[in-house]
């Protein structure tokens, strides 16, 4: 099948320190965790569904994994990399992982009306 239209999107790279700053200063967090979707202009939560407009622990975990890898990679002694590492540590340490395991239930997201979770045995 021939390709009728090919859309190429060229994006300007965004420095990691800009992304980390946006996450720290603009994004709504729920016990330190981030929403599944975030408005890229404002940092406000974009509801995942009518039942879930809060924290998404799975997406937050993926985000933190990437940030922790970046923290290890940017190990220079300069001010920019030191500040980046410190800010990543603040985001990482700001997630209240224990809050999401209250009463032996893992809350994968913070729903509006009902709790979806897995009982830990």
PDB file of N, CA and C in Angstrom:
ATOM      1  N   UNK A   1       0.843  -1.166   0.000  1.00  0.00           N
ATOM      2  CA  UNK A   1       0.000   0.000   0.000  1.00  0.00           C
ATOM      3  C   UNK A   1       0.898   1.242   0.000  1.00  0.00           C
ATOM      4  N   UNK A   2       0.684   2.152  -0.948  1.00  0.00           N
ATOM      5  CA  UNK A   2       1.518   3.350  -1.004  1.00  0.00           C
ATOM      6  C   UNK A   2       1.197   4.306   0.144  1.00  0.00           C
ATOM      7  N   UNK A   3       2.180   5.041   0.570  1.00  0.00           N
ATOM      8  CA  UNK A   3       2.006   6.049   1.611  1.00  0.00           C
ATOM      9  C   UNK A   3       1.541   7.324   0.942  1.00  0.00           C
ATOM     10  N   UNK A   4       0.353   7.794   1.312  1.00  0.00           N
ATOM     11  CA  UNK A   4      -0.184   9.005   0.696  1.00  0.00           C
ATOM     12  C   UNK A   4       0.379  10.260   1.352  1.00  0.00           C
ATOM     13  N   UNK A   5       0.501  10.214   2.650  1.00  0.00           N
ATOM     14  CA  UNK A   5       0.970  11.385   3.383  1.00  0.00           C
ATOM     15  C   UNK A   5       2.006  10.937   4.399  1.00  0.00           C
ATOM     16  N   UNK A   6       3.035  11.687   4.507  1.00  0.00           N
ATOM     17  CA  UNK A   6       4.066  11.409   5.501  1.00  0.00           C
ATOM     18  C   UNK A   6       4.242  12.670   6.337  1.00  0.00           C
ATOM     19  N   UNK A   7       3.951  12.553   7.587  1.00  0.00           N
ATOM     20  CA  UNK A   7       4.069  13.682   8.493  1.00  0.00           C
ATOM     21  C   UNK A   7       5.367  13.545   9.270  1.00  0.00           C
ATOM     22  N   UNK A   8       6.195  14.535   9.151  1.00  0.00           N
ATOM     23  CA  UNK A   8       7.448  14.551   9.895  1.00  0.00           C
ATOM     24  C   UNK A   8       7.377  15.716  10.873  1.00  0.00           C
ATOM     25  N   UNK A   9       7.540  15.398  12.125  1.00  0.00           N
ATOM     26  CA  UNK A   9       7.513  16.428  13.155  1.00  0.00           C
ATOM     27  C   UNK A   9       8.932  16.606  13.668  1.00  0.00           C
ATOM     28  N   UNK A  10       9.435  17.794  13.509  1.00  0.00           N
ATOM     29  CA  UNK A  10      10.762  18.113  14.030  1.00  0.00           C
ATOM     30  C   UNK A  10      10.584  18.845  15.338  1.00  0.00           C
ATOM     31  N   UNK A  11      11.104  18.283  16.383  1.00  0.00           N
ATOM     32  CA  UNK A  11      10.975  18.871  17.713  1.00  0.00           C
ATOM     33  C   UNK A  11      12.304  19.464  18.141  1.00  0.00           C
ATOM     34  N   UNK A  12      12.213  20.604  18.757  1.00  0.00           N
ATOM     35  CA  UNK A  12      13.402  21.212  19.343  1.00  0.00           C
ATOM     36  C   UNK A  12      13.714  20.467  20.635  1.00  0.00           C
ATOM     37  N   UNK A  13      14.940  19.993  20.792  1.00  0.00           N
ATOM     38  CA  UNK A  13      15.283  19.289  22.040  1.00  0.00           C
ATOM     39  C   UNK A  13      15.095  20.203  23.254  1.00  0.00           C
ATOM     40  N   UNK A  14      14.595  19.635  24.315  1.00  0.00           N
ATOM     41  CA  UNK A  14      14.405  20.382  25.558  1.00  0.00           C
ATOM     42  C   UNK A  14      15.444  19.890  26.548  1.00  0.00           C
ATOM     43  N   UNK A  15      16.243  20.802  27.079  1.00  0.00           N
ATOM     44  CA  UNK A  15      17.262  20.380  28.058  1.00  0.00           C
ATOM     45  C   UNK A  15      16.621  19.723  29.282  1.00  0.00           C
ATOM     46  N   UNK A  16      17.293  18.721  29.803  1.00  0.00           N
ATOM     47  CA  UNK A  16      16.765  17.976  30.945  1.00  0.00           C
ATOM     48  C   UNK A  16      16.515  18.876  32.148  1.00  0.00           C
ATOM     49  N   UNK A  17      17.376  19.843  32.370  1.00  0.00           N
ATOM     50  CA  UNK A  17      17.168  20.715  33.542  1.00  0.00           C
ATOM     51  C   UNK A  17      15.881  21.525  33.389  1.00  0.00           C
ATOM     52  N   UNK A  18      15.462  21.823  32.160  1.00  0.00           N
ATOM     53  CA  UNK A  18      14.204  22.528  31.931  1.00  0.00           C
ATOM     54  C   UNK A  18      13.025  21.613  32.265  1.00  0.00           C
ATOM     55  N   UNK A  19      13.112  20.365  31.869  1.00  0.00           N
ATOM     56  CA  UNK A  19      12.059  19.394  32.167  1.00  0.00           C
ATOM     57  C   UNK A  19      11.938  19.179  33.675  1.00  0.00           C
ATOM     58  N   UNK A  20      13.067  19.000  34.336  1.00  0.00           N
ATOM     59  CA  UNK A  20      13.063  18.778  35.782  1.00  0.00           C
ATOM     60  C   UNK A  20      12.503  19.998  36.507  1.00  0.00           C
ATOM     61  N   UNK A  21      12.878  21.180  36.068  1.00  0.00           N
ATOM     62  CA  UNK A  21      12.358  22.409  36.664  1.00  0.00           C
ATOM     63  C   UNK A  21      10.839  22.502  36.485  1.00  0.00           C
ATOM     64  N   UNK A  22      10.352  22.151  35.300  1.00  0.00           N
ATOM     65  CA  UNK A  22       8.912  22.157  35.040  1.00  0.00           C
ATOM     66  C   UNK A  22       8.196  21.169  35.958  1.00  0.00           C
ATOM     67  N   UNK A  23       8.765  19.978  36.102  1.00  0.00           N
ATOM     68  CA  UNK A  23       8.161  18.979  36.989  1.00  0.00           C
ATOM     69  C   UNK A  23       8.116  19.472  38.429  1.00  0.00           C
ATOM     70  N   UNK A  24       9.169  20.149  38.862  1.00  0.00           N
ATOM     71  CA  UNK A  24       9.253  20.621  40.248  1.00  0.00           C
ATOM     72  C   UNK A  24       8.331  21.803  40.518  1.00  0.00           C
ATOM     73  N   UNK A  25       8.273  22.719  39.571  1.00  0.00           N
ATOM     74  CA  UNK A  25       7.639  24.013  39.838  1.00  0.00           C
ATOM     75  C   UNK A  25       6.244  24.198  39.249  1.00  0.00           C
ATOM     76  N   UNK A  26       5.860  23.362  38.298  1.00  0.00           N
ATOM     77  CA  UNK A  26       4.589  23.588  37.623  1.00  0.00           C
ATOM     78  C   UNK A  26       3.587  22.449  37.769  1.00  0.00           C
ATOM     79  N   UNK A  27       4.059  21.239  37.919  1.00  0.00           N
ATOM     80  CA  UNK A  27       3.165  20.074  37.877  1.00  0.00           C
ATOM     81  C   UNK A  27       2.481  19.816  39.207  1.00  0.00           C
ATOM     82  N   UNK A  28       1.209  19.459  39.102  1.00  0.00           N
ATOM     83  CA  UNK A  28       0.460  19.033  40.273  1.00  0.00           C
ATOM     84  C   UNK A  28       0.965  17.657  40.676  1.00  0.00           C
ATOM     85  N   UNK A  29       1.231  17.503  41.958  1.00  0.00           N
ATOM     86  CA  UNK A  29       1.682  16.204  42.473  1.00  0.00           C
ATOM     87  C   UNK A  29       0.744  15.752  43.580  1.00  0.00           C
ATOM     88  N   UNK A  30       0.640  14.466  43.717  1.00  0.00           N
ATOM     89  CA  UNK A  30      -0.231  13.854  44.707  1.00  0.00           C
ATOM     90  C   UNK A  30       0.637  12.971  45.588  1.00  0.00           C
ATOM     91  N   UNK A  31       0.925  13.469  46.778  1.00  0.00           N
ATOM     92  CA  UNK A  31       1.854  12.768  47.670  1.00  0.00           C
ATOM     93  C   UNK A  31       3.177  12.520  46.929  1.00  0.00           C
ATOM     94  N   UNK A  32       3.571  13.501  46.133  1.00  0.00           N
ATOM     95  CA  UNK A  32       4.829  13.445  45.393  1.00  0.00           C
ATOM     96  C   UNK A  32       4.751  12.744  44.053  1.00  0.00           C
ATOM     97  N   UNK A  33       3.662  12.015  43.794  1.00  0.00           N
ATOM     98  CA  UNK A  33       3.519  11.288  42.530  1.00  0.00           C
ATOM     99  C   UNK A  33       2.844  12.178  41.486  1.00  0.00           C
ATOM    100  N   UNK A  34       3.117  11.855  40.235  1.00  0.00           N
ATOM    101  CA  UNK A  34       2.585  12.638  39.124  1.00  0.00           C
ATOM    102  C   UNK A  34       1.369  11.958  38.520  1.00  0.00           C
ATOM    103  N   UNK A  35       0.592  12.733  37.798  1.00  0.00           N
ATOM    104  CA  UNK A  35      -0.579  12.210  37.093  1.00  0.00           C
ATOM    105  C   UNK A  35      -0.138  11.422  35.864  1.00  0.00           C
ATOM    106  N   UNK A  36      -1.057  10.636  35.333  1.00  0.00           N
ATOM    107  CA  UNK A  36      -0.795   9.872  34.109  1.00  0.00           C
ATOM    108  C   UNK A  36      -0.535  10.831  32.952  1.00  0.00           C
ATOM    109  N   UNK A  37      -1.388  11.836  32.816  1.00  0.00           N
ATOM    110  CA  UNK A  37      -1.224  12.851  31.784  1.00  0.00           C
ATOM    111  C   UNK A  37      -1.118  14.210  32.439  1.00  0.00           C
ATOM    112  N   UNK A  38      -0.241  15.033  31.883  1.00  0.00           N
ATOM    113  CA  UNK A  38       0.016  16.369  32.409  1.00  0.00           C
ATOM    114  C   UNK A  38      -0.098  17.367  31.262  1.00  0.00           C
ATOM    115  N   UNK A  39      -0.773  18.470  31.506  1.00  0.00           N
ATOM    116  CA  UNK A  39      -0.838  19.542  30.518  1.00  0.00           C
ATOM    117  C   UNK A  39       0.564  20.112  30.363  1.00  0.00           C
ATOM    118  N   UNK A  40       1.113  20.034  29.151  1.00  0.00           N
ATOM    119  CA  UNK A  40       2.485  20.452  28.908  1.00  0.00           C
ATOM    120  C   UNK A  40       2.722  21.947  29.004  1.00  0.00           C
ATOM    121  N   UNK A  41       1.658  22.737  28.986  1.00  0.00           N
ATOM    122  CA  UNK A  41       1.813  24.188  29.097  1.00  0.00           C
ATOM    123  C   UNK A  41       1.695  24.657  30.540  1.00  0.00           C
ATOM    124  N   UNK A  42       0.808  24.016  31.301  1.00  0.00           N
ATOM    125  CA  UNK A  42       0.533  24.500  32.654  1.00  0.00           C
ATOM    126  C   UNK A  42       1.033  23.587  33.764  1.00  0.00           C
ATOM    127  N   UNK A  43       1.171  22.295  33.467  1.00  0.00           N
ATOM    128  CA  UNK A  43       1.539  21.333  34.507  1.00  0.00           C
ATOM    129  C   UNK A  43       0.341  20.770  35.245  1.00  0.00           C
ATOM    130  N   UNK A  44      -0.869  21.216  34.873  1.00  0.00           N
ATOM    131  CA  UNK A  44      -2.080  20.721  35.527  1.00  0.00           C
ATOM    132  C   UNK A  44      -2.355  19.281  35.102  1.00  0.00           C
ATOM    133  N   UNK A  45      -3.037  18.563  35.962  1.00  0.00           N
ATOM    134  CA  UNK A  45      -3.426  17.192  35.665  1.00  0.00           C
ATOM    135  C   UNK A  45      -4.486  17.172  34.576  1.00  0.00           C
ATOM    136  N   UNK A  46      -4.289  16.307  33.597  1.00  0.00           N
ATOM    137  CA  UNK A  46      -5.320  16.009  32.607  1.00  0.00           C
ATOM    138  C   UNK A  46      -5.898  14.660  33.019  1.00  0.00           C
ATOM    139  N   UNK A  47      -7.188  14.607  33.389  1.00  0.00           N
ATOM    140  CA  UNK A  47      -7.756  13.360  33.910  1.00  0.00           C
ATOM    141  C   UNK A  47      -7.572  12.180  32.955  1.00  0.00           C
ATOM    142  N   UNK A  48      -7.175  11.058  33.513  1.00  0.00           N
ATOM    143  CA  UNK A  48      -7.012   9.818  32.769  1.00  0.00           C
ATOM    144  C   UNK A  48      -8.374   9.245  32.414  1.00  0.00           C
ATOM    145  N   UNK A  49      -9.322   9.404  33.329  1.00  0.00           N
ATOM    146  CA  UNK A  49     -10.701   8.966  33.109  1.00  0.00           C
ATOM    147  C   UNK A  49     -11.567   9.686  34.131  1.00  0.00           C
ATOM    148  N   UNK A  50     -12.868   9.440  34.063  1.00  0.00           N
ATOM    149  CA  UNK A  50     -13.767  10.059  35.043  1.00  0.00           C
ATOM    150  C   UNK A  50     -13.561   9.487  36.434  1.00  0.00           C
ATOM    151  N   UNK A  51     -12.952   8.305  36.524  1.00  0.00           N
ATOM    152  CA  UNK A  51     -12.698   7.665  37.809  1.00  0.00           C
ATOM    153  C   UNK A  51     -11.308   7.983  38.357  1.00  0.00           C
ATOM    154  N   UNK A  52     -10.465   8.610  37.560  1.00  0.00           N
ATOM    155  CA  UNK A  52      -9.076   8.814  37.968  1.00  0.00           C
ATOM    156  C   UNK A  52      -8.569  10.159  37.492  1.00  0.00           C
ATOM    157  N   UNK A  53      -8.373  11.056  38.431  1.00  0.00           N
ATOM    158  CA  UNK A  53      -7.829  12.360  38.084  1.00  0.00           C
ATOM    159  C   UNK A  53      -6.678  12.722  39.020  1.00  0.00           C
ATOM    160  N   UNK A  54      -5.962  11.719  39.497  1.00  0.00           N
ATOM    161  CA  UNK A  54      -4.902  11.979  40.459  1.00  0.00           C
ATOM    162  C   UNK A  54      -3.623  11.264  40.113  1.00  0.00           C
ATOM    163  N   UNK A  55      -2.931  10.825  41.119  1.00  0.00           N
ATOM    164  CA  UNK A  55      -1.606  10.222  40.963  1.00  0.00           C
ATOM    165  C   UNK A  55      -1.660   8.918  40.191  1.00  0.00           C
ATOM    166  N   UNK A  56      -0.634   8.682  39.407  1.00  0.00           N
ATOM    167  CA  UNK A  56      -0.460   7.413  38.704  1.00  0.00           C
ATOM    168  C   UNK A  56       0.893   6.875  39.117  1.00  0.00           C
ATOM    169  N   UNK A  57       0.865   5.877  39.975  1.00  0.00           N
ATOM    170  CA  UNK A  57       2.100   5.345  40.546  1.00  0.00           C
ATOM    171  C   UNK A  57       2.965   4.645  39.500  1.00  0.00           C
ATOM    172  N   UNK A  58       2.330   3.986  38.541  1.00  0.00           N
ATOM    173  CA  UNK A  58       3.094   3.292  37.499  1.00  0.00           C
ATOM    174  C   UNK A  58       3.873   4.298  36.658  1.00  0.00           C
ATOM    175  N   UNK A  59       3.189   5.324  36.170  1.00  0.00           N
ATOM    176  CA  UNK A  59       3.861   6.338  35.340  1.00  0.00           C
ATOM    177  C   UNK A  59       4.915   7.089  36.152  1.00  0.00           C
ATOM    178  N   UNK A  60       4.614   7.357  37.411  1.00  0.00           N
ATOM    179  CA  UNK A  60       5.595   8.028  38.267  1.00  0.00           C
ATOM    180  C   UNK A  60       6.833   7.164  38.435  1.00  0.00           C
ATOM    181  N   UNK A  61       6.645   5.860  38.598  1.00  0.00           N
ATOM    182  CA  UNK A  61       7.789   4.952  38.745  1.00  0.00           C
ATOM    183  C   UNK A  61       8.662   4.968  37.492  1.00  0.00           C
ATOM    184  N   UNK A  62       8.029   4.939  36.310  1.00  0.00           N
ATOM    185  CA  UNK A  62       8.801   5.018  35.058  1.00  0.00           C
ATOM    186  C   UNK A  62       9.567   6.333  34.972  1.00  0.00           C
ATOM    187  N   UNK A  63       8.895   7.423  35.325  1.00  0.00           N
ATOM    188  CA  UNK A  63       9.538   8.735  35.290  1.00  0.00           C
ATOM    189  C   UNK A  63      10.732   8.772  36.237  1.00  0.00           C
ATOM    190  N   UNK A  64      10.545   8.261  37.447  1.00  0.00           N
ATOM    191  CA  UNK A  64      11.631   8.267  38.425  1.00  0.00           C
ATOM    192  C   UNK A  64      12.802   7.398  37.969  1.00  0.00           C
ATOM    193  N   UNK A  65      12.509   6.263  37.347  1.00  0.00           N
ATOM    194  CA  UNK A  65      13.586   5.408  36.827  1.00  0.00           C
ATOM    195  C   UNK A  65      14.440   6.171  35.824  1.00  0.00           C
ATOM    196  N   UNK A  66      13.785   6.872  34.924  1.00  0.00           N
ATOM    197  CA  UNK A  66      14.519   7.652  33.930  1.00  0.00           C
ATOM    198  C   UNK A  66      15.321   8.775  34.562  1.00  0.00           C
ATOM    199  N   UNK A  67      14.714   9.458  35.535  1.00  0.00           N
ATOM    200  CA  UNK A  67      15.421  10.557  36.199  1.00  0.00           C
ATOM    201  C   UNK A  67      16.616  10.047  36.997  1.00  0.00           C
ATOM    202  N   UNK A  68      16.463   8.899  37.649  1.00  0.00           N
ATOM    203  CA  UNK A  68      17.587   8.342  38.414  1.00  0.00           C
ATOM    204  C   UNK A  68      18.730   7.929  37.486  1.00  0.00           C
ATOM    205  N   UNK A  69      18.407   7.404  36.324  1.00  0.00           N
ATOM    206  CA  UNK A  69      19.456   7.079  35.335  1.00  0.00           C
ATOM    207  C   UNK A  69      20.163   8.347  34.883  1.00  0.00           C
ATOM    208  N   UNK A  70      19.375   9.389  34.612  1.00  0.00           N
ATOM    209  CA  UNK A  70      19.969  10.667  34.201  1.00  0.00           C
ATOM    210  C   UNK A  70      20.839  11.244  35.306  1.00  0.00           C
ATOM    211  N   UNK A  71      20.377  11.111  36.541  1.00  0.00           N
ATOM    212  CA  UNK A  71      21.161  11.612  37.682  1.00  0.00           C
ATOM    213  C   UNK A  71      22.533  10.950  37.724  1.00  0.00           C
ATOM    214  N   UNK A  72      22.592   9.665  37.462  1.00  0.00           N
ATOM    215  CA  UNK A  72      23.868   8.959  37.477  1.00  0.00           C
ATOM    216  C   UNK A  72      24.738   9.347  36.285  1.00  0.00           C
ATOM    217  N   UNK A  73      24.110   9.600  35.145  1.00  0.00           N
ATOM    218  CA  UNK A  73      24.862   9.945  33.932  1.00  0.00           C
ATOM    219  C   UNK A  73      25.495  11.331  34.041  1.00  0.00           C
ATOM    220  N   UNK A  74      24.721  12.301  34.532  1.00  0.00           N
ATOM    221  CA  UNK A  74      25.225  13.675  34.653  1.00  0.00           C
ATOM    222  C   UNK A  74      25.952  13.814  35.986  1.00  0.00           C
ATOM    223  N   UNK A  75      27.199  13.382  36.011  1.00  0.00           N
ATOM    224  CA  UNK A  75      27.959  13.346  37.264  1.00  0.00           C
ATOM    225  C   UNK A  75      29.079  14.366  37.324  1.00  0.00           C
ATOM    226  N   UNK A  76      28.975  15.408  36.508  1.00  0.00           N
ATOM    227  CA  UNK A  76      30.009  16.439  36.495  1.00  0.00           C
ATOM    228  C   UNK A  76      29.992  17.280  37.761  1.00  0.00           C
ATOM    229  N   UNK A  77      31.088  17.972  37.973  1.00  0.00           N
ATOM    230  CA  UNK A  77      31.236  18.795  39.177  1.00  0.00           C
ATOM    231  C   UNK A  77      30.691  20.210  38.991  1.00  0.00           C
ATOM    232  N   UNK A  78      30.309  20.565  37.754  1.00  0.00           N
ATOM    233  CA  UNK A  78      29.817  21.909  37.479  1.00  0.00           C
ATOM    234  C   UNK A  78      28.479  22.198  38.136  1.00  0.00           C
ATOM    235  N   UNK A  79      28.147  23.474  38.200  1.00  0.00           N
ATOM    236  CA  UNK A  79      26.919  23.922  38.854  1.00  0.00           C
ATOM    237  C   UNK A  79      25.671  23.354  38.189  1.00  0.00           C
ATOM    238  N   UNK A  80      25.637  23.327  36.859  1.00  0.00           N
ATOM    239  CA  UNK A  80      24.449  22.865  36.149  1.00  0.00           C
ATOM    240  C   UNK A  80      24.142  21.406  36.473  1.00  0.00           C
ATOM    241  N   UNK A  81      25.150  20.547  36.421  1.00  0.00           N
ATOM    242  CA  UNK A  81      24.911  19.125  36.676  1.00  0.00           C
ATOM    243  C   UNK A  81      24.668  18.853  38.160  1.00  0.00           C
ATOM    244  N   UNK A  82      25.322  19.594  39.029  1.00  0.00           N
ATOM    245  CA  UNK A  82      25.096  19.433  40.462  1.00  0.00           C
ATOM    246  C   UNK A  82      23.663  19.830  40.814  1.00  0.00           C
ATOM    247  N   UNK A  83      23.201  20.938  40.262  1.00  0.00           N
ATOM    248  CA  UNK A  83      21.830  21.398  40.507  1.00  0.00           C
ATOM    249  C   UNK A  83      20.829  20.393  39.954  1.00  0.00           C
ATOM    250  N   UNK A  84      21.113  19.871  38.756  1.00  0.00           N
ATOM    251  CA  UNK A  84      20.236  18.868  38.162  1.00  0.00           C
ATOM    252  C   UNK A  84      20.114  17.651  39.072  1.00  0.00           C
ATOM    253  N   UNK A  85      21.233  17.143  39.545  1.00  0.00           N
ATOM    254  CA  UNK A  85      21.199  15.973  40.437  1.00  0.00           C
ATOM    255  C   UNK A  85      20.426  16.270  41.714  1.00  0.00           C
ATOM    256  N   UNK A  86      20.650  17.438  42.293  1.00  0.00           N
ATOM    257  CA  UNK A  86      19.947  17.812  43.525  1.00  0.00           C
ATOM    258  C   UNK A  86      18.440  17.900  43.296  1.00  0.00           C
ATOM    259  N   UNK A  87      18.036  18.461  42.156  1.00  0.00           N
ATOM    260  CA  UNK A  87      16.606  18.583  41.858  1.00  0.00           C
ATOM    261  C   UNK A  87      15.973  17.218  41.592  1.00  0.00           C
ATOM    262  N   UNK A  88      16.685  16.343  40.916  1.00  0.00           N
ATOM    263  CA  UNK A  88      16.181  14.980  40.714  1.00  0.00           C
ATOM    264  C   UNK A  88      16.028  14.281  42.059  1.00  0.00           C
ATOM    265  N   UNK A  89      16.990  14.470  42.960  1.00  0.00           N
ATOM    266  CA  UNK A  89      16.873  13.881  44.306  1.00  0.00           C
ATOM    267  C   UNK A  89      15.635  14.397  45.031  1.00  0.00           C
ATOM    268  N   UNK A  90      15.337  15.690  44.882  1.00  0.00           N
ATOM    269  CA  UNK A  90      14.151  16.269  45.532  1.00  0.00           C
ATOM    270  C   UNK A  90      12.875  15.632  44.986  1.00  0.00           C
ATOM    271  N   UNK A  91      12.815  15.443  43.667  1.00  0.00           N
ATOM    272  CA  UNK A  91      11.630  14.804  43.083  1.00  0.00           C
ATOM    273  C   UNK A  91      11.509  13.365  43.568  1.00  0.00           C
ATOM    274  N   UNK A  92      12.607  12.637  43.504  1.00  0.00           N
ATOM    275  CA  UNK A  92      12.638  11.222  43.912  1.00  0.00           C
ATOM    276  C   UNK A  92      12.249  11.074  45.383  1.00  0.00           C
ATOM    277  N   UNK A  93      12.865  11.858  46.233  1.00  0.00           N
ATOM    278  CA  UNK A  93      12.596  11.773  47.673  1.00  0.00           C
ATOM    279  C   UNK A  93      11.236  12.333  48.040  1.00  0.00           C
ATOM    280  N   UNK A  94      10.639  13.117  47.135  1.00  0.00           N
ATOM    281  CA  UNK A  94       9.337  13.714  47.400  1.00  0.00           C
ATOM    282  C   UNK A  94       8.167  12.763  47.201  1.00  0.00           C
ATOM    283  N   UNK A  95       8.405  11.649  46.522  1.00  0.00           N
ATOM    284  CA  UNK A  95       7.323  10.680  46.314  1.00  0.00           C
ATOM    285  C   UNK A  95       7.119   9.895  47.600  1.00  0.00           C
ATOM    286  N   UNK A  96       5.904   9.951  48.129  1.00  0.00           N
ATOM    287  CA  UNK A  96       5.580   9.234  49.363  1.00  0.00           C
ATOM    288  C   UNK A  96       5.147   7.811  49.007  1.00  0.00           C
ATOM    289  N   UNK A  97       6.124   6.983  48.660  1.00  0.00           N
ATOM    290  CA  UNK A  97       5.830   5.616  48.233  1.00  0.00           C
ATOM    291  C   UNK A  97       5.002   4.867  49.278  1.00  0.00           C
ATOM    292  N   UNK A  98       5.298   5.092  50.556  1.00  0.00           N
ATOM    293  CA  UNK A  98       4.561   4.395  51.621  1.00  0.00           C
ATOM    294  C   UNK A  98       3.089   4.793  51.676  1.00  0.00           C
ATOM    295  N   UNK A  99       2.761   6.012  51.257  1.00  0.00           N
ATOM    296  CA  UNK A  99       1.361   6.435  51.266  1.00  0.00           C
ATOM    297  C   UNK A  99       0.539   5.553  50.329  1.00  0.00           C
ATOM    298  N   UNK A 100       1.158   5.100  49.253  1.00  0.00           N
ATOM    299  CA  UNK A 100       0.463   4.306  48.252  1.00  0.00           C
ATOM    300  C   UNK A 100       0.338   2.827  48.644  1.00  0.00           C
ATOM    301  N   UNK A 101       0.834   2.481  49.823  1.00  0.00           N
ATOM    302  CA  UNK A 101       0.695   1.099  50.298  1.00  0.00           C
ATOM    303  C   UNK A 101      -0.004   1.043  51.651  1.00  0.00           C
ATOM    304  N   UNK A 102      -0.888   1.981  51.898  1.00  0.00           N
ATOM    305  CA  UNK A 102      -1.632   1.989  53.151  1.00  0.00           C
ATOM    306  C   UNK A 102      -2.524   0.764  53.254  1.00  0.00           C
ATOM    307  N   UNK A 103      -2.638   0.241  54.439  1.00  0.00           N
ATOM    308  CA  UNK A 103      -3.525  -0.888  54.722  1.00  0.00           C
ATOM    309  C   UNK A 103      -3.251  -2.085  53.812  1.00  0.00           C
ATOM    310  N   UNK A 104      -2.004  -2.299  53.478  1.00  0.00           N
ATOM    311  CA  UNK A 104      -1.569  -3.425  52.648  1.00  0.00           C
ATOM    312  C   UNK A 104      -2.196  -3.431  51.256  1.00  0.00           C
ATOM    313  N   UNK A 105      -2.586  -2.272  50.757  1.00  0.00           N
ATOM    314  CA  UNK A 105      -3.140  -2.169  49.413  1.00  0.00           C
ATOM    315  C   UNK A 105      -2.234  -1.255  48.600  1.00  0.00           C
ATOM    316  N   UNK A 106      -1.821  -1.725  47.437  1.00  0.00           N
ATOM    317  CA  UNK A 106      -1.018  -0.907  46.538  1.00  0.00           C
ATOM    318  C   UNK A 106      -1.976  -0.119  45.665  1.00  0.00           C
ATOM    319  N   UNK A 107      -1.934   1.197  45.782  1.00  0.00           N
ATOM    320  CA  UNK A 107      -2.795   2.057  44.980  1.00  0.00           C
ATOM    321  C   UNK A 107      -2.037   2.416  43.710  1.00  0.00           C
ATOM    322  N   UNK A 108      -2.443   1.833  42.601  1.00  0.00           N
ATOM    323  CA  UNK A 108      -1.746   2.092  41.347  1.00  0.00           C
ATOM    324  C   UNK A 108      -2.039   3.478  40.817  1.00  0.00           C
ATOM    325  N   UNK A 109      -3.175   4.017  41.178  1.00  0.00           N
ATOM    326  CA  UNK A 109      -3.484   5.404  40.875  1.00  0.00           C
ATOM    327  C   UNK A 109      -4.423   5.907  41.948  1.00  0.00           C
ATOM    328  N   UNK A 110      -4.579   7.218  42.017  1.00  0.00           N
ATOM    329  CA  UNK A 110      -5.447   7.821  43.031  1.00  0.00           C
ATOM    330  C   UNK A 110      -6.776   8.159  42.372  1.00  0.00           C
ATOM    331  N   UNK A 111      -7.759   7.288  42.477  1.00  0.00           N
ATOM    332  CA  UNK A 111      -9.027   7.522  41.813  1.00  0.00           C
ATOM    333  C   UNK A 111      -9.883   8.552  42.534  1.00  0.00           C
ATOM    334  N   UNK A 112     -10.838   9.091  41.819  1.00  0.00           N
ATOM    335  CA  UNK A 112     -11.746  10.073  42.383  1.00  0.00           C
ATOM    336  C   UNK A 112     -12.786   9.424  43.281  1.00  0.00           C
ATOM    337  N   UNK A 113     -13.360   8.319  42.820  1.00  0.00           N
ATOM    338  CA  UNK A 113     -14.502   7.760  43.545  1.00  0.00           C
ATOM    339  C   UNK A 113     -14.293   6.361  44.096  1.00  0.00           C
ATOM    340  N   UNK A 114     -13.368   5.617  43.540  1.00  0.00           N
ATOM    341  CA  UNK A 114     -13.198   4.236  43.987  1.00  0.00           C
ATOM    342  C   UNK A 114     -11.707   3.908  44.052  1.00  0.00           C
ATOM    343  N   UNK A 115     -11.386   2.917  44.827  1.00  0.00           N
ATOM    344  CA  UNK A 115      -9.998   2.508  44.980  1.00  0.00           C
ATOM    345  C   UNK A 115      -9.718   1.270  44.149  1.00  0.00           C
ATOM    346  N   UNK A 116      -8.766   1.380  43.235  1.00  0.00           N
ATOM    347  CA  UNK A 116      -8.305   0.201  42.524  1.00  0.00           C
ATOM    348  C   UNK A 116      -6.972  -0.160  43.143  1.00  0.00           C
ATOM    349  N   UNK A 117      -6.872  -1.363  43.614  1.00  0.00           N
ATOM    350  CA  UNK A 117      -5.624  -1.742  44.261  1.00  0.00           C
ATOM    351  C   UNK A 117      -5.435  -3.229  44.288  1.00  0.00           C
ATOM    352  N   UNK A 118      -4.286  -3.599  44.753  1.00  0.00           N
ATOM    353  CA  UNK A 118      -3.917  -4.995  44.868  1.00  0.00           C
ATOM    354  C   UNK A 118      -3.523  -5.242  46.316  1.00  0.00           C
ATOM    355  N   UNK A 119      -4.116  -6.234  46.921  1.00  0.00           N
ATOM    356  CA  UNK A 119      -3.795  -6.552  48.308  1.00  0.00           C
ATOM    357  C   UNK A 119      -2.447  -7.261  48.347  1.00  0.00           C
ATOM    358  N   UNK A 120      -1.585  -6.807  49.242  1.00  0.00           N
ATOM    359  CA  UNK A 120      -0.261  -7.411  49.422  1.00  0.00           C
ATOM    360  C   UNK A 120      -0.370  -8.486  50.481  1.00  0.00           C
ATOM    361  N   UNK A 121       0.075  -9.675  50.171  1.00  0.00           N
ATOM    362  CA  UNK A 121       0.060 -10.763  51.154  1.00  0.00           C
ATOM    363  C   UNK A 121       1.467 -11.243  51.397  1.00  0.00           C
TER     364      UNK A 121
END
